[in-house]
C-alpha cells in the first residue's frame, strides 16, 4: 500500500504513515468501541427514576439484587413500607454510581462515562 499523502510505500496494516505521519485508510477500521460496556450515566438515571423496581441492577447484570428490589416494591405494597425501603436503597445506589463507588457491572467490566 502507498501513502495517500507522500506516496511512499507503507505496510498494508499501517494506521499511520511512518514517513509523513498522516493517518491511513486503516485508521477508521481500527477504532473499535466496545459496545458491551455499560454507561454510568444510564445506570445512575435508571436508579433515580425506576430504581425501586431494580431496573438499574438488571441493566448492570445484578439479577439477584434486582429481583429482591422488584419483589420488595411489588409485594411490599401490602405493608406500604416495601417501596419506601426499595426507593431509599435505589437512591443510595444512584449516589454510589455517580460518585464511582459502584464502577463495575456484574461481569467486572468498568462502566464507561
C-alpha atoms as a PDB file:
ATOM      1  CA  UNK A   1       0.000   0.000   0.000  1.00  0.00           C
ATOM      2  CA  UNK A   2       1.123   3.559  -0.674  1.00  0.00           C
ATOM      3  CA  UNK A   3       0.570   6.638   1.485  1.00  0.00           C
ATOM      4  CA  UNK A   4      -2.068   8.956   0.043  1.00  0.00           C
ATOM      5  CA  UNK A   5      -0.109  11.990   1.301  1.00  0.00           C
ATOM      6  CA  UNK A   6       3.563  11.369   0.492  1.00  0.00           C
ATOM      7  CA  UNK A   7       3.225   8.442  -1.933  1.00  0.00           C
ATOM      8  CA  UNK A   8       5.815   6.254  -0.189  1.00  0.00           C
ATOM      9  CA  UNK A   9       5.233   2.566   0.309  1.00  0.00           C
ATOM     10  CA  UNK A  10       3.938   1.551   3.758  1.00  0.00           C
ATOM     11  CA  UNK A  11       2.739  -1.633   5.394  1.00  0.00           C
ATOM     12  CA  UNK A  12      -0.773  -2.735   4.409  1.00  0.00           C
ATOM     13  CA  UNK A  13      -1.842  -2.802   8.082  1.00  0.00           C
ATOM     14  CA  UNK A  14      -0.330   0.588   8.944  1.00  0.00           C
ATOM     15  CA  UNK A  15      -2.576   3.066  10.695  1.00  0.00           C
ATOM     16  CA  UNK A  16      -0.188   6.000  10.295  1.00  0.00           C
ATOM     17  CA  UNK A  17       2.418   6.593   7.603  1.00  0.00           C
ATOM     18  CA  UNK A  18       5.875   6.189   9.151  1.00  0.00           C
ATOM     19  CA  UNK A  19       7.295   8.718   6.690  1.00  0.00           C
ATOM     20  CA  UNK A  20       4.917  11.683   6.989  1.00  0.00           C
ATOM     21  CA  UNK A  21       2.681  10.798   9.968  1.00  0.00           C
ATOM     22  CA  UNK A  22      -0.648  11.085   8.144  1.00  0.00           C
ATOM     23  CA  UNK A  23      -3.431   8.662   9.085  1.00  0.00           C
ATOM     24  CA  UNK A  24      -4.127   5.926   6.544  1.00  0.00           C
ATOM     25  CA  UNK A  25      -7.404   4.379   5.451  1.00  0.00           C
ATOM     26  CA  UNK A  26      -6.878   1.687   8.091  1.00  0.00           C
ATOM     27  CA  UNK A  27      -7.313   4.291  10.836  1.00  0.00           C
ATOM     28  CA  UNK A  28     -11.120   4.143  10.642  1.00  0.00           C
ATOM     29  CA  UNK A  29     -11.114   0.348  10.684  1.00  0.00           C
ATOM     30  CA  UNK A  30      -9.066   0.040  13.878  1.00  0.00           C
ATOM     31  CA  UNK A  31     -11.105   2.372  16.077  1.00  0.00           C
ATOM     32  CA  UNK A  32     -13.308  -0.264  17.670  1.00  0.00           C
ATOM     33  CA  UNK A  33     -15.554   0.733  20.548  1.00  0.00           C
ATOM     34  CA  UNK A  34     -16.653  -1.938  22.967  1.00  0.00           C
ATOM     35  CA  UNK A  35     -20.428  -1.540  22.808  1.00  0.00           C
ATOM     36  CA  UNK A  36     -20.907  -4.081  25.596  1.00  0.00           C
ATOM     37  CA  UNK A  37     -19.706  -1.598  28.207  1.00  0.00           C
ATOM     38  CA  UNK A  38     -22.489  -0.200  30.335  1.00  0.00           C
ATOM     39  CA  UNK A  39     -22.898   3.528  30.831  1.00  0.00           C
ATOM     40  CA  UNK A  40     -22.540   5.066  34.287  1.00  0.00           C
ATOM     41  CA  UNK A  41     -24.986   7.825  33.345  1.00  0.00           C
ATOM     42  CA  UNK A  42     -27.668   5.389  32.180  1.00  0.00           C
ATOM     43  CA  UNK A  43     -27.268   3.238  35.296  1.00  0.00           C
ATOM     44  CA  UNK A  44     -27.500   6.275  37.570  1.00  0.00           C
ATOM     45  CA  UNK A  45     -30.566   7.684  35.849  1.00  0.00           C
ATOM     46  CA  UNK A  46     -32.285   4.308  35.936  1.00  0.00           C
ATOM     47  CA  UNK A  47     -31.547   4.110  39.656  1.00  0.00           C
ATOM     48  CA  UNK A  48     -33.080   7.546  40.235  1.00  0.00           C
ATOM     49  CA  UNK A  49     -36.228   7.167  38.135  1.00  0.00           C
ATOM     50  CA  UNK A  50     -37.112   3.439  38.328  1.00  0.00           C
ATOM     51  CA  UNK A  51     -34.631   2.248  40.917  1.00  0.00           C
ATOM     52  CA  UNK A  52     -37.191   0.906  43.362  1.00  0.00           C
ATOM     53  CA  UNK A  53     -38.065  -1.692  40.694  1.00  0.00           C
ATOM     54  CA  UNK A  54     -34.394  -2.705  40.437  1.00  0.00           C
ATOM     55  CA  UNK A  55     -34.120  -1.782  36.763  1.00  0.00           C
ATOM     56  CA  UNK A  56     -30.616  -0.335  37.192  1.00  0.00           C
ATOM     57  CA  UNK A  57     -29.433  -3.610  38.712  1.00  0.00           C
ATOM     58  CA  UNK A  58     -30.958  -5.581  35.830  1.00  0.00           C
ATOM     59  CA  UNK A  59     -29.083  -3.210  33.469  1.00  0.00           C
ATOM     60  CA  UNK A  60     -25.787  -3.810  35.297  1.00  0.00           C
ATOM     61  CA  UNK A  61     -26.368  -7.569  35.436  1.00  0.00           C
ATOM     62  CA  UNK A  62     -27.001  -7.906  39.181  1.00  0.00           C
ATOM     63  CA  UNK A  63     -30.075 -10.108  38.782  1.00  0.00           C
ATOM     64  CA  UNK A  64     -30.382 -11.264  42.403  1.00  0.00           C
ATOM     65  CA  UNK A  65     -30.310  -7.722  43.788  1.00  0.00           C
ATOM     66  CA  UNK A  66     -32.702  -6.583  41.082  1.00  0.00           C
ATOM     67  CA  UNK A  67     -35.212  -9.319  41.871  1.00  0.00           C
ATOM     68  CA  UNK A  68     -35.075  -8.500  45.579  1.00  0.00           C
ATOM     69  CA  UNK A  69     -35.765  -4.828  44.862  1.00  0.00           C
ATOM     70  CA  UNK A  70     -38.565  -5.697  42.450  1.00  0.00           C
ATOM     71  CA  UNK A  71     -40.231  -8.074  44.900  1.00  0.00           C
ATOM     72  CA  UNK A  72     -39.785  -5.624  47.753  1.00  0.00           C
ATOM     73  CA  UNK A  73     -41.602  -2.977  45.738  1.00  0.00           C
ATOM     74  CA  UNK A  74     -44.349  -5.149  44.245  1.00  0.00           C
ATOM     75  CA  UNK A  75     -45.096  -7.312  47.289  1.00  0.00           C
ATOM     76  CA  UNK A  76     -44.213  -4.522  49.685  1.00  0.00           C
ATOM     77  CA  UNK A  77     -47.266  -2.510  48.633  1.00  0.00           C
ATOM     78  CA  UNK A  78     -49.208  -4.668  51.060  1.00  0.00           C
ATOM     79  CA  UNK A  79     -47.357  -3.194  54.025  1.00  0.00           C
ATOM     80  CA  UNK A  80     -46.537   0.134  52.285  1.00  0.00           C
ATOM     81  CA  UNK A  81     -43.020   0.162  53.739  1.00  0.00           C
ATOM     82  CA  UNK A  82     -41.516  -2.046  50.980  1.00  0.00           C
ATOM     83  CA  UNK A  83     -41.483   0.544  48.185  1.00  0.00           C
ATOM     84  CA  UNK A  84     -40.091   3.179  50.545  1.00  0.00           C
ATOM     85  CA  UNK A  85     -37.209   0.889  51.540  1.00  0.00           C
ATOM     86  CA  UNK A  86     -36.542  -0.061  47.903  1.00  0.00           C
ATOM     87  CA  UNK A  87     -36.643   3.614  46.884  1.00  0.00           C
ATOM     88  CA  UNK A  88     -34.132   4.650  49.545  1.00  0.00           C
ATOM     89  CA  UNK A  89     -31.936   1.690  48.579  1.00  0.00           C
ATOM     90  CA  UNK A  90     -32.055   2.757  44.905  1.00  0.00           C
ATOM     91  CA  UNK A  91     -31.270   6.380  45.769  1.00  0.00           C
ATOM     92  CA  UNK A  92     -28.215   5.290  47.743  1.00  0.00           C
ATOM     93  CA  UNK A  93     -27.084   3.142  44.803  1.00  0.00           C
ATOM     94  CA  UNK A  94     -27.619   6.078  42.405  1.00  0.00           C
ATOM     95  CA  UNK A  95     -25.328   8.204  44.554  1.00  0.00           C
ATOM     96  CA  UNK A  96     -22.769   5.384  44.620  1.00  0.00           C
ATOM     97  CA  UNK A  97     -22.918   5.041  40.836  1.00  0.00           C
ATOM     98  CA  UNK A  98     -22.432   8.768  40.241  1.00  0.00           C
ATOM     99  CA  UNK A  99     -19.597   9.054  42.778  1.00  0.00           C
ATOM    100  CA  UNK A 100     -17.804   5.988  41.405  1.00  0.00           C
ATOM    101  CA  UNK A 101     -18.239   3.666  44.376  1.00  0.00           C
ATOM    102  CA  UNK A 102     -20.142   1.347  42.051  1.00  0.00           C
ATOM    103  CA  UNK A 103     -17.989   1.420  38.937  1.00  0.00           C
ATOM    104  CA  UNK A 104     -18.271  -2.125  37.562  1.00  0.00           C
ATOM    105  CA  UNK A 105     -21.036  -4.260  36.174  1.00  0.00           C
ATOM    106  CA  UNK A 106     -21.775  -7.823  37.292  1.00  0.00           C
ATOM    107  CA  UNK A 107     -19.102  -9.207  34.946  1.00  0.00           C
ATOM    108  CA  UNK A 108     -16.410  -6.945  36.421  1.00  0.00           C
ATOM    109  CA  UNK A 109     -16.135  -4.588  33.441  1.00  0.00           C
ATOM    110  CA  UNK A 110     -15.698  -0.900  34.219  1.00  0.00           C
ATOM    111  CA  UNK A 111     -18.625   1.388  33.471  1.00  0.00           C
ATOM    112  CA  UNK A 112     -17.980   3.914  30.733  1.00  0.00           C
ATOM    113  CA  UNK A 113     -18.544   7.583  31.392  1.00  0.00           C
END
